N, C-alpha and C. Protein backbone atom coordinates (compact mmCIF):
# COMPACT_ATOMS: atom_id res chain seq x y z
N MET A 1 -26.60 62.10 11.21
CA MET A 1 -25.29 61.49 11.31
C MET A 1 -25.37 60.14 12.01
N LEU A 2 -26.05 60.09 13.15
CA LEU A 2 -26.18 58.84 13.88
C LEU A 2 -26.97 57.81 13.08
N ASP A 3 -27.99 58.29 12.38
CA ASP A 3 -28.79 57.39 11.55
C ASP A 3 -27.95 56.79 10.42
N THR A 4 -27.09 57.60 9.84
CA THR A 4 -26.22 57.12 8.75
C THR A 4 -25.25 56.08 9.27
N THR A 5 -24.65 56.35 10.42
CA THR A 5 -23.70 55.41 11.02
C THR A 5 -24.40 54.11 11.39
N LEU A 6 -25.59 54.22 11.92
CA LEU A 6 -26.35 53.03 12.29
C LEU A 6 -26.70 52.22 11.05
N ALA A 7 -27.07 52.87 9.98
CA ALA A 7 -27.40 52.19 8.73
C ALA A 7 -26.16 51.49 8.16
N GLN A 8 -25.02 52.18 8.24
CA GLN A 8 -23.78 51.57 7.77
C GLN A 8 -23.41 50.35 8.60
N LEU A 9 -23.60 50.47 9.89
CA LEU A 9 -23.31 49.36 10.79
C LEU A 9 -24.22 48.16 10.48
N GLU A 10 -25.48 48.43 10.23
CA GLU A 10 -26.42 47.37 9.86
C GLU A 10 -25.98 46.69 8.57
N ASN A 11 -25.53 47.47 7.60
CA ASN A 11 -25.07 46.91 6.33
C ASN A 11 -23.83 46.03 6.54
N VAL A 12 -22.92 46.52 7.35
CA VAL A 12 -21.70 45.75 7.62
C VAL A 12 -22.06 44.45 8.33
N ILE A 13 -22.94 44.52 9.29
CA ILE A 13 -23.36 43.31 10.02
C ILE A 13 -24.06 42.34 9.09
N ASN A 14 -24.93 42.84 8.24
CA ASN A 14 -25.61 41.97 7.27
C ASN A 14 -24.61 41.31 6.32
N ASP A 15 -23.64 42.07 5.86
CA ASP A 15 -22.60 41.51 4.99
C ASP A 15 -21.81 40.42 5.73
N LEU A 16 -21.45 40.69 6.96
CA LEU A 16 -20.70 39.70 7.74
C LEU A 16 -21.52 38.44 7.99
N LEU A 17 -22.79 38.60 8.27
CA LEU A 17 -23.65 37.44 8.47
C LEU A 17 -23.77 36.61 7.19
N GLN A 18 -23.88 37.30 6.05
CA GLN A 18 -23.96 36.58 4.77
C GLN A 18 -22.66 35.86 4.48
N ARG A 19 -21.54 36.52 4.71
CA ARG A 19 -20.24 35.87 4.51
C ARG A 19 -20.09 34.66 5.42
N ASN A 20 -20.52 34.82 6.67
CA ASN A 20 -20.45 33.70 7.61
C ASN A 20 -21.29 32.52 7.13
N GLN A 21 -22.48 32.82 6.61
CA GLN A 21 -23.35 31.77 6.08
C GLN A 21 -22.68 31.07 4.89
N ASN A 22 -22.11 31.87 3.99
CA ASN A 22 -21.41 31.30 2.83
C ASN A 22 -20.24 30.43 3.26
N LEU A 23 -19.48 30.91 4.23
CA LEU A 23 -18.33 30.14 4.70
C LEU A 23 -18.78 28.87 5.41
N SER A 24 -19.85 28.93 6.14
CA SER A 24 -20.37 27.74 6.82
C SER A 24 -20.81 26.69 5.80
N GLU A 25 -21.48 27.13 4.75
CA GLU A 25 -21.90 26.20 3.70
C GLU A 25 -20.69 25.60 2.99
N HIS A 26 -19.70 26.44 2.72
CA HIS A 26 -18.49 25.96 2.07
C HIS A 26 -17.75 24.97 2.97
N CYS A 27 -17.70 25.26 4.24
CA CYS A 27 -17.05 24.37 5.20
C CYS A 27 -17.76 23.02 5.25
N ALA A 28 -19.08 23.03 5.24
CA ALA A 28 -19.85 21.79 5.26
C ALA A 28 -19.56 20.97 4.00
N LEU A 29 -19.47 21.64 2.86
CA LEU A 29 -19.16 20.96 1.61
C LEU A 29 -17.76 20.35 1.66
N LEU A 30 -16.81 21.10 2.18
CA LEU A 30 -15.45 20.58 2.31
C LEU A 30 -15.39 19.39 3.25
N GLU A 31 -16.14 19.43 4.34
CA GLU A 31 -16.18 18.30 5.27
C GLU A 31 -16.76 17.06 4.60
N GLN A 32 -17.78 17.25 3.77
CA GLN A 32 -18.36 16.14 3.04
C GLN A 32 -17.36 15.56 2.04
N GLN A 33 -16.65 16.43 1.33
CA GLN A 33 -15.65 15.97 0.38
C GLN A 33 -14.51 15.25 1.08
N LEU A 34 -14.13 15.76 2.25
CA LEU A 34 -13.07 15.11 3.03
C LEU A 34 -13.51 13.72 3.45
N GLN A 35 -14.74 13.57 3.90
CA GLN A 35 -15.25 12.26 4.29
C GLN A 35 -15.24 11.30 3.11
N GLN A 36 -15.66 11.78 1.94
CA GLN A 36 -15.64 10.94 0.75
C GLN A 36 -14.22 10.54 0.38
N ALA A 37 -13.29 11.47 0.50
CA ALA A 37 -11.89 11.18 0.18
C ALA A 37 -11.32 10.15 1.16
N ARG A 38 -11.69 10.27 2.42
CA ARG A 38 -11.22 9.29 3.41
C ARG A 38 -11.77 7.90 3.11
N GLU A 39 -13.04 7.83 2.75
CA GLU A 39 -13.64 6.54 2.41
C GLU A 39 -12.97 5.94 1.17
N GLU A 40 -12.72 6.78 0.18
CA GLU A 40 -12.05 6.29 -1.02
C GLU A 40 -10.64 5.82 -0.70
N ASN A 41 -9.96 6.55 0.16
CA ASN A 41 -8.62 6.17 0.57
C ASN A 41 -8.64 4.83 1.29
N ASP A 42 -9.59 4.64 2.19
CA ASP A 42 -9.71 3.36 2.89
C ASP A 42 -9.95 2.22 1.91
N ASN A 43 -10.83 2.45 0.93
CA ASN A 43 -11.12 1.43 -0.08
C ASN A 43 -9.89 1.11 -0.91
N LEU A 44 -9.13 2.14 -1.28
CA LEU A 44 -7.92 1.92 -2.07
C LEU A 44 -6.87 1.18 -1.27
N GLN A 45 -6.74 1.49 0.01
CA GLN A 45 -5.77 0.79 0.84
C GLN A 45 -6.15 -0.69 0.98
N LEU A 46 -7.43 -0.95 1.16
CA LEU A 46 -7.90 -2.33 1.26
C LEU A 46 -7.64 -3.08 -0.05
N ALA A 47 -7.93 -2.43 -1.17
CA ALA A 47 -7.68 -3.06 -2.47
C ALA A 47 -6.19 -3.32 -2.67
N ALA A 48 -5.35 -2.41 -2.22
CA ALA A 48 -3.90 -2.59 -2.35
C ALA A 48 -3.44 -3.77 -1.51
N LEU A 49 -3.98 -3.91 -0.30
CA LEU A 49 -3.61 -5.04 0.55
C LEU A 49 -4.05 -6.36 -0.08
N GLU A 50 -5.26 -6.38 -0.64
CA GLU A 50 -5.75 -7.58 -1.30
C GLU A 50 -4.88 -7.93 -2.50
N GLN A 51 -4.50 -6.92 -3.26
CA GLN A 51 -3.64 -7.14 -4.43
C GLN A 51 -2.28 -7.66 -3.99
N GLU A 52 -1.77 -7.12 -2.90
CA GLU A 52 -0.48 -7.58 -2.38
C GLU A 52 -0.57 -9.04 -1.98
N ASP A 53 -1.65 -9.44 -1.34
CA ASP A 53 -1.84 -10.84 -0.96
C ASP A 53 -1.88 -11.73 -2.20
N LYS A 54 -2.61 -11.30 -3.22
CA LYS A 54 -2.70 -12.08 -4.46
C LYS A 54 -1.34 -12.21 -5.12
N GLN A 55 -0.58 -11.12 -5.13
CA GLN A 55 0.74 -11.15 -5.74
C GLN A 55 1.67 -12.09 -4.97
N GLY A 56 1.55 -12.08 -3.65
CA GLY A 56 2.36 -12.99 -2.84
C GLY A 56 2.03 -14.43 -3.13
N ALA A 57 0.75 -14.75 -3.26
CA ALA A 57 0.33 -16.12 -3.57
C ALA A 57 0.81 -16.51 -4.97
N THR A 58 0.71 -15.59 -5.92
CA THR A 58 1.16 -15.87 -7.28
C THR A 58 2.66 -16.10 -7.31
N LEU A 59 3.41 -15.29 -6.57
CA LEU A 59 4.86 -15.46 -6.51
C LEU A 59 5.23 -16.82 -5.93
N ALA A 60 4.54 -17.21 -4.88
CA ALA A 60 4.81 -18.51 -4.27
C ALA A 60 4.53 -19.64 -5.26
N ARG A 61 3.45 -19.54 -6.01
CA ARG A 61 3.14 -20.56 -7.01
C ARG A 61 4.18 -20.60 -8.12
N LEU A 62 4.60 -19.41 -8.56
CA LEU A 62 5.63 -19.36 -9.60
C LEU A 62 6.95 -19.95 -9.12
N GLN A 63 7.32 -19.64 -7.89
CA GLN A 63 8.56 -20.18 -7.34
C GLN A 63 8.48 -21.70 -7.24
N ALA A 64 7.32 -22.21 -6.86
CA ALA A 64 7.15 -23.66 -6.78
C ALA A 64 7.25 -24.28 -8.16
N LEU A 65 6.69 -23.65 -9.16
CA LEU A 65 6.79 -24.16 -10.53
C LEU A 65 8.23 -24.14 -11.03
N VAL A 66 8.94 -23.07 -10.74
CA VAL A 66 10.35 -22.98 -11.15
C VAL A 66 11.15 -24.07 -10.47
N GLU A 67 10.89 -24.29 -9.19
CA GLU A 67 11.63 -25.35 -8.48
C GLU A 67 11.31 -26.72 -9.06
N ARG A 68 10.04 -26.95 -9.41
CA ARG A 68 9.66 -28.23 -10.02
C ARG A 68 10.32 -28.40 -11.38
N ALA A 69 10.34 -27.29 -12.14
CA ALA A 69 10.96 -27.35 -13.47
C ALA A 69 12.46 -27.60 -13.35
N ALA A 70 13.09 -26.94 -12.38
CA ALA A 70 14.53 -27.13 -12.18
C ALA A 70 14.80 -28.55 -11.70
N GLY A 71 13.93 -29.08 -10.86
CA GLY A 71 14.11 -30.44 -10.36
C GLY A 71 13.93 -31.47 -11.46
N SER A 72 13.01 -31.25 -12.37
CA SER A 72 12.79 -32.22 -13.45
C SER A 72 13.92 -32.14 -14.48
N ASN A 73 14.54 -30.99 -14.64
CA ASN A 73 15.67 -30.87 -15.56
C ASN A 73 16.90 -31.55 -15.00
N ALA A 74 17.02 -31.54 -13.70
CA ALA A 74 18.18 -32.16 -13.06
C ALA A 74 18.08 -33.67 -13.12
N ALA A 75 16.86 -34.16 -13.20
CA ALA A 75 16.69 -35.62 -13.18
C ALA A 75 16.87 -36.20 -14.51
């Protein structure tokens, strides 16, 4: 009886250790994916800021052209 219980306990402990190992590996993978997602997010935010700057410069140029065109029509 004691031998059977001890064997069952060993099996349960081995199963728990294996599950823990699997979860640790999965956690490490998720941490790596999270880091990659953060880096991609940072890159996308930087690209968005650069695009916003370009759009602002383009808008200013267009407004200047419209003002020049309106000024030449008035003359």
